[in-house]
Amino acid sequence: MLLPAMLLVKGGPSNGAIIPLPPGQSIMGRAPQCAVMWDDASVSRQHASIRTDSHGYTITDLGSMNGTFVNGKSIEKESRRLRHMDRIQLGGAGSVVTWVFMESQATVSLPSIQGA
């Protein structure tokens, strides 16, 4: 079973906020009805989509004018599988807001204990 994921907002007035990603599809964009809303002129009304399937989470640009970026690289018209700690930017790589994708089932690396 796929456990929920979330986006951590880095930058802007919502810095530090956590946005849960429900099963199915979440739209990112400027429109007030978007699950992930960012009111910026460089962001399209319905800019990108994050969708779940049995293998994880995928982000797709919805034909935006200024692009969707994951870890600083444009995803163009291709869907991209999201990985824990991927950084998402809408409207250009210079955007002031980044959303950090976090999988709730991700394993945290712990330091090794000497002599254990």
N, C-alpha and C. Protein backbone atom coordinates (compact mmCIF):
# COMPACT_ATOMS: atom_id res chain seq x y z
N MET A 1 0.84 -1.18 0.00
CA MET A 1 0.00 0.00 0.00
C MET A 1 0.89 1.25 0.00
N LEU A 2 0.55 2.23 -0.81
CA LEU A 2 1.29 3.47 -0.91
C LEU A 2 0.87 4.40 0.22
N LEU A 3 1.84 4.80 1.03
CA LEU A 3 1.55 5.72 2.13
C LEU A 3 1.54 7.15 1.61
N PRO A 4 0.84 8.05 2.31
CA PRO A 4 0.74 9.43 1.84
C PRO A 4 2.10 10.12 1.78
N ALA A 5 2.15 11.13 0.95
CA ALA A 5 3.33 11.98 0.84
C ALA A 5 2.88 13.41 1.11
N MET A 6 3.84 14.31 1.16
CA MET A 6 3.53 15.71 1.43
C MET A 6 4.54 16.60 0.73
N LEU A 7 4.19 17.88 0.66
CA LEU A 7 5.10 18.90 0.14
C LEU A 7 5.41 19.86 1.28
N LEU A 8 6.69 20.15 1.46
CA LEU A 8 7.14 21.14 2.42
C LEU A 8 7.43 22.42 1.66
N VAL A 9 6.79 23.52 2.05
CA VAL A 9 6.97 24.80 1.36
C VAL A 9 8.24 25.47 1.88
N LYS A 10 9.14 25.82 0.96
CA LYS A 10 10.37 26.54 1.29
C LYS A 10 10.33 27.89 0.59
N GLY A 11 10.25 28.96 1.37
CA GLY A 11 10.22 30.31 0.82
C GLY A 11 8.81 30.87 0.78
N GLY A 12 8.72 32.18 0.55
CA GLY A 12 7.43 32.85 0.44
C GLY A 12 6.72 32.95 1.78
N PRO A 13 5.48 33.49 1.76
CA PRO A 13 4.74 33.71 3.01
C PRO A 13 4.31 32.43 3.72
N SER A 14 4.29 31.29 3.02
CA SER A 14 3.89 30.02 3.62
C SER A 14 5.09 29.15 3.99
N ASN A 15 6.26 29.73 4.08
CA ASN A 15 7.49 28.99 4.38
C ASN A 15 7.28 28.08 5.59
N GLY A 16 7.65 26.81 5.44
CA GLY A 16 7.53 25.85 6.52
C GLY A 16 6.21 25.09 6.56
N ALA A 17 5.23 25.51 5.75
CA ALA A 17 3.93 24.82 5.73
C ALA A 17 4.09 23.44 5.09
N ILE A 18 3.25 22.53 5.52
CA ILE A 18 3.24 21.17 4.96
C ILE A 18 1.89 20.96 4.29
N ILE A 19 1.94 20.51 3.03
CA ILE A 19 0.72 20.25 2.26
C ILE A 19 0.63 18.74 2.00
N PRO A 20 -0.35 18.06 2.62
CA PRO A 20 -0.51 16.63 2.37
C PRO A 20 -0.96 16.39 0.93
N LEU A 21 -0.48 15.31 0.33
CA LEU A 21 -0.89 14.92 -1.02
C LEU A 21 -1.83 13.72 -0.90
N PRO A 22 -3.13 13.93 -1.14
CA PRO A 22 -4.08 12.82 -1.03
C PRO A 22 -3.92 11.85 -2.20
N PRO A 23 -4.48 10.64 -2.09
CA PRO A 23 -4.46 9.71 -3.22
C PRO A 23 -5.14 10.34 -4.42
N GLY A 24 -4.74 9.93 -5.60
CA GLY A 24 -5.33 10.45 -6.84
C GLY A 24 -4.47 11.54 -7.42
N GLN A 25 -5.09 12.67 -7.72
CA GLN A 25 -4.39 13.76 -8.40
C GLN A 25 -4.50 15.06 -7.60
N SER A 26 -3.39 15.79 -7.52
CA SER A 26 -3.36 17.13 -6.91
C SER A 26 -2.84 18.10 -7.95
N ILE A 27 -3.59 19.17 -8.21
CA ILE A 27 -3.18 20.18 -9.18
C ILE A 27 -2.43 21.29 -8.45
N MET A 28 -1.32 21.72 -9.06
CA MET A 28 -0.55 22.86 -8.57
C MET A 28 -0.79 24.01 -9.53
N GLY A 29 -1.02 25.22 -9.02
CA GLY A 29 -1.21 26.35 -9.91
C GLY A 29 -1.69 27.60 -9.19
N ARG A 30 -2.07 28.58 -9.98
CA ARG A 30 -2.49 29.89 -9.49
C ARG A 30 -3.97 29.95 -9.13
N ALA A 31 -4.78 29.06 -9.68
CA ALA A 31 -6.23 29.08 -9.44
C ALA A 31 -6.53 28.75 -7.97
N PRO A 32 -7.49 29.45 -7.37
CA PRO A 32 -7.81 29.22 -5.96
C PRO A 32 -8.23 27.79 -5.64
N GLN A 33 -8.79 27.07 -6.59
CA GLN A 33 -9.25 25.70 -6.33
C GLN A 33 -8.14 24.65 -6.41
N CYS A 34 -6.92 25.05 -6.73
CA CYS A 34 -5.80 24.11 -6.80
C CYS A 34 -5.45 23.59 -5.40
N ALA A 35 -5.08 22.32 -5.32
CA ALA A 35 -4.66 21.72 -4.05
C ALA A 35 -3.39 22.39 -3.53
N VAL A 36 -2.50 22.76 -4.45
CA VAL A 36 -1.27 23.48 -4.13
C VAL A 36 -1.32 24.79 -4.89
N MET A 37 -1.69 25.87 -4.19
CA MET A 37 -1.92 27.16 -4.85
C MET A 37 -0.76 28.11 -4.59
N TRP A 38 -0.27 28.74 -5.67
CA TRP A 38 0.78 29.76 -5.56
C TRP A 38 0.40 30.89 -6.50
N ASP A 39 0.04 32.03 -5.93
CA ASP A 39 -0.44 33.17 -6.69
C ASP A 39 0.75 34.01 -7.16
N ASP A 40 1.25 33.68 -8.33
CA ASP A 40 2.39 34.37 -8.93
C ASP A 40 2.14 34.44 -10.43
N ALA A 41 2.47 35.58 -11.04
CA ALA A 41 2.20 35.78 -12.47
C ALA A 41 2.93 34.77 -13.36
N SER A 42 4.04 34.19 -12.89
CA SER A 42 4.78 33.22 -13.72
C SER A 42 4.19 31.82 -13.65
N VAL A 43 3.17 31.64 -12.81
CA VAL A 43 2.54 30.33 -12.62
C VAL A 43 1.20 30.30 -13.34
N SER A 44 0.97 29.26 -14.11
CA SER A 44 -0.30 29.09 -14.82
C SER A 44 -1.42 28.73 -13.84
N ARG A 45 -2.68 28.96 -14.26
CA ARG A 45 -3.81 28.64 -13.39
C ARG A 45 -3.80 27.17 -12.98
N GLN A 46 -3.59 26.30 -13.93
CA GLN A 46 -3.40 24.87 -13.66
C GLN A 46 -2.04 24.51 -14.27
N HIS A 47 -1.03 24.55 -13.47
CA HIS A 47 0.36 24.51 -13.93
C HIS A 47 0.91 23.09 -14.05
N ALA A 48 0.73 22.30 -12.99
CA ALA A 48 1.29 20.94 -12.95
C ALA A 48 0.36 20.04 -12.15
N SER A 49 0.54 18.75 -12.34
CA SER A 49 -0.27 17.74 -11.66
C SER A 49 0.65 16.74 -10.97
N ILE A 50 0.32 16.41 -9.73
CA ILE A 50 1.00 15.30 -9.04
C ILE A 50 -0.04 14.21 -8.88
N ARG A 51 0.30 13.03 -9.39
CA ARG A 51 -0.64 11.91 -9.42
C ARG A 51 0.00 10.69 -8.74
N THR A 52 -0.84 9.94 -8.03
CA THR A 52 -0.35 8.70 -7.41
C THR A 52 -0.77 7.50 -8.25
N ASP A 53 0.06 6.48 -8.18
CA ASP A 53 -0.29 5.17 -8.72
C ASP A 53 0.35 4.13 -7.80
N SER A 54 0.27 2.88 -8.15
CA SER A 54 0.78 1.83 -7.27
C SER A 54 2.30 1.88 -7.10
N HIS A 55 3.00 2.64 -7.93
CA HIS A 55 4.46 2.72 -7.87
C HIS A 55 4.98 3.97 -7.18
N GLY A 56 4.11 4.94 -6.92
CA GLY A 56 4.55 6.16 -6.27
C GLY A 56 3.86 7.39 -6.81
N TYR A 57 4.60 8.48 -6.85
CA TYR A 57 4.06 9.79 -7.24
C TYR A 57 4.76 10.27 -8.50
N THR A 58 3.98 10.87 -9.41
CA THR A 58 4.49 11.38 -10.67
C THR A 58 4.04 12.83 -10.83
N ILE A 59 4.93 13.70 -11.32
CA ILE A 59 4.57 15.08 -11.61
C ILE A 59 4.59 15.28 -13.12
N THR A 60 3.61 16.03 -13.62
CA THR A 60 3.47 16.32 -15.04
C THR A 60 3.18 17.80 -15.22
N ASP A 61 3.88 18.46 -16.13
CA ASP A 61 3.57 19.84 -16.48
C ASP A 61 2.29 19.82 -17.33
N LEU A 62 1.36 20.73 -17.05
CA LEU A 62 0.08 20.74 -17.76
C LEU A 62 0.06 21.76 -18.89
N GLY A 63 1.19 21.93 -19.58
CA GLY A 63 1.26 22.87 -20.70
C GLY A 63 1.48 24.30 -20.24
N SER A 64 2.13 24.49 -19.12
CA SER A 64 2.37 25.83 -18.59
C SER A 64 3.28 26.63 -19.52
N MET A 65 3.19 27.94 -19.40
CA MET A 65 4.03 28.83 -20.23
C MET A 65 5.48 28.87 -19.75
N ASN A 66 5.70 28.78 -18.44
CA ASN A 66 7.03 28.98 -17.89
C ASN A 66 7.70 27.74 -17.32
N GLY A 67 7.06 26.60 -17.44
CA GLY A 67 7.70 25.34 -17.09
C GLY A 67 7.58 24.91 -15.64
N THR A 68 7.84 23.63 -15.47
CA THR A 68 7.90 22.98 -14.16
C THR A 68 9.28 22.37 -14.03
N PHE A 69 9.90 22.56 -12.88
CA PHE A 69 11.27 22.12 -12.67
C PHE A 69 11.35 21.20 -11.46
N VAL A 70 12.11 20.12 -11.59
CA VAL A 70 12.39 19.23 -10.48
C VAL A 70 13.90 19.20 -10.32
N ASN A 71 14.35 19.56 -9.14
CA ASN A 71 15.78 19.65 -8.84
C ASN A 71 16.51 20.54 -9.84
N GLY A 72 15.86 21.64 -10.25
CA GLY A 72 16.46 22.62 -11.14
C GLY A 72 16.42 22.29 -12.62
N LYS A 73 15.85 21.13 -12.99
CA LYS A 73 15.79 20.72 -14.39
C LYS A 73 14.35 20.71 -14.88
N SER A 74 14.12 21.25 -16.06
CA SER A 74 12.79 21.29 -16.65
C SER A 74 12.30 19.88 -16.95
N ILE A 75 11.04 19.61 -16.60
CA ILE A 75 10.48 18.30 -16.94
C ILE A 75 9.79 18.34 -18.30
N GLU A 76 9.68 19.54 -18.90
CA GLU A 76 9.06 19.76 -20.21
C GLU A 76 7.73 19.04 -20.30
N LYS A 77 7.51 18.26 -21.32
CA LYS A 77 6.22 17.59 -21.53
C LYS A 77 6.22 16.16 -20.99
N GLU A 78 7.30 15.73 -20.37
CA GLU A 78 7.40 14.37 -19.85
C GLU A 78 6.97 14.32 -18.38
N SER A 79 6.33 13.23 -18.00
CA SER A 79 6.05 13.00 -16.59
C SER A 79 7.34 12.55 -15.92
N ARG A 80 7.47 12.85 -14.65
CA ARG A 80 8.67 12.46 -13.93
C ARG A 80 8.28 11.86 -12.59
N ARG A 81 8.85 10.71 -12.27
CA ARG A 81 8.61 10.06 -10.98
C ARG A 81 9.29 10.90 -9.90
N LEU A 82 8.56 11.19 -8.83
CA LEU A 82 9.13 11.98 -7.74
C LEU A 82 9.81 11.05 -6.74
N ARG A 83 10.92 11.50 -6.21
CA ARG A 83 11.69 10.78 -5.20
C ARG A 83 11.75 11.64 -3.94
N HIS A 84 11.94 10.99 -2.82
CA HIS A 84 12.03 11.68 -1.53
C HIS A 84 13.06 12.81 -1.61
N MET A 85 12.64 14.00 -1.17
CA MET A 85 13.46 15.21 -1.10
C MET A 85 13.67 15.90 -2.45
N ASP A 86 12.95 15.49 -3.50
CA ASP A 86 12.99 16.24 -4.76
C ASP A 86 12.45 17.64 -4.52
N ARG A 87 13.03 18.62 -5.21
CA ARG A 87 12.61 20.02 -5.09
C ARG A 87 11.85 20.42 -6.35
N ILE A 88 10.63 20.92 -6.17
CA ILE A 88 9.75 21.30 -7.27
C ILE A 88 9.65 22.82 -7.33
N GLN A 89 9.78 23.38 -8.53
CA GLN A 89 9.60 24.82 -8.74
C GLN A 89 8.67 25.01 -9.92
N LEU A 90 7.78 26.00 -9.81
CA LEU A 90 6.85 26.34 -10.88
C LEU A 90 7.23 27.70 -11.44
N GLY A 91 7.14 27.84 -12.76
CA GLY A 91 7.31 29.15 -13.38
C GLY A 91 8.73 29.59 -13.59
N GLY A 92 9.67 28.73 -13.39
CA GLY A 92 11.07 29.08 -13.65
C GLY A 92 11.97 28.63 -12.53
N ALA A 93 13.20 28.33 -12.88
CA ALA A 93 14.16 27.83 -11.90
C ALA A 93 14.52 28.89 -10.87
N GLY A 94 14.22 30.16 -11.13
CA GLY A 94 14.51 31.24 -10.19
C GLY A 94 13.36 31.57 -9.26
N SER A 95 12.35 30.72 -9.19
CA SER A 95 11.18 30.97 -8.35
C SER A 95 11.59 31.13 -6.89
N VAL A 96 10.88 32.00 -6.17
CA VAL A 96 11.19 32.22 -4.75
C VAL A 96 10.62 31.13 -3.85
N VAL A 97 9.73 30.29 -4.38
CA VAL A 97 9.14 29.21 -3.59
C VAL A 97 9.54 27.87 -4.20
N THR A 98 9.92 26.96 -3.33
CA THR A 98 10.23 25.58 -3.71
C THR A 98 9.38 24.68 -2.84
N TRP A 99 8.86 23.61 -3.42
CA TRP A 99 8.13 22.60 -2.67
C TRP A 99 9.02 21.37 -2.61
N VAL A 100 9.28 20.88 -1.41
CA VAL A 100 10.12 19.69 -1.23
C VAL A 100 9.18 18.50 -1.06
N PHE A 101 9.31 17.53 -1.97
CA PHE A 101 8.49 16.32 -1.93
C PHE A 101 9.05 15.38 -0.86
N MET A 102 8.18 14.95 0.05
CA MET A 102 8.61 14.04 1.11
C MET A 102 7.67 12.85 1.18
N GLU A 103 8.24 11.66 1.07
CA GLU A 103 7.46 10.44 1.20
C GLU A 103 7.42 10.06 2.67
N SER A 104 6.24 9.75 3.18
CA SER A 104 6.12 9.44 4.59
C SER A 104 6.77 8.11 4.94
N GLN A 105 6.94 7.22 3.97
CA GLN A 105 7.55 5.93 4.25
C GLN A 105 9.05 5.93 4.02
N ALA A 106 9.63 7.10 3.71
CA ALA A 106 11.07 7.17 3.44
C ALA A 106 11.85 6.79 4.69
N THR A 107 12.94 6.09 4.48
CA THR A 107 13.80 5.68 5.57
C THR A 107 14.79 6.79 5.89
N VAL A 108 14.97 7.05 7.16
CA VAL A 108 15.91 8.07 7.61
C VAL A 108 17.23 7.38 7.91
N SER A 109 18.31 7.95 7.41
CA SER A 109 19.64 7.41 7.66
C SER A 109 20.12 7.83 9.05
N LEU A 110 20.50 6.85 9.87
CA LEU A 110 20.99 7.13 11.21
C LEU A 110 22.50 6.90 11.25
N PRO A 111 23.21 7.68 12.06
CA PRO A 111 24.65 7.46 12.17
C PRO A 111 24.93 6.10 12.76
N SER A 112 26.01 5.46 12.33
CA SER A 112 26.36 4.14 12.89
C SER A 112 26.90 4.33 14.29
N ILE A 113 26.66 3.31 15.13
CA ILE A 113 27.10 3.37 16.51
C ILE A 113 28.28 2.42 16.65
N GLN A 114 29.42 2.98 17.05
CA GLN A 114 30.64 2.18 17.21
C GLN A 114 30.47 1.21 18.39
N GLY A 115 30.87 -0.03 18.21
CA GLY A 115 30.85 -1.01 19.28
C GLY A 115 29.49 -1.64 19.51
N ALA A 116 28.53 -1.36 18.68
CA ALA A 116 27.19 -1.94 18.90
C ALA A 116 27.08 -3.28 18.22
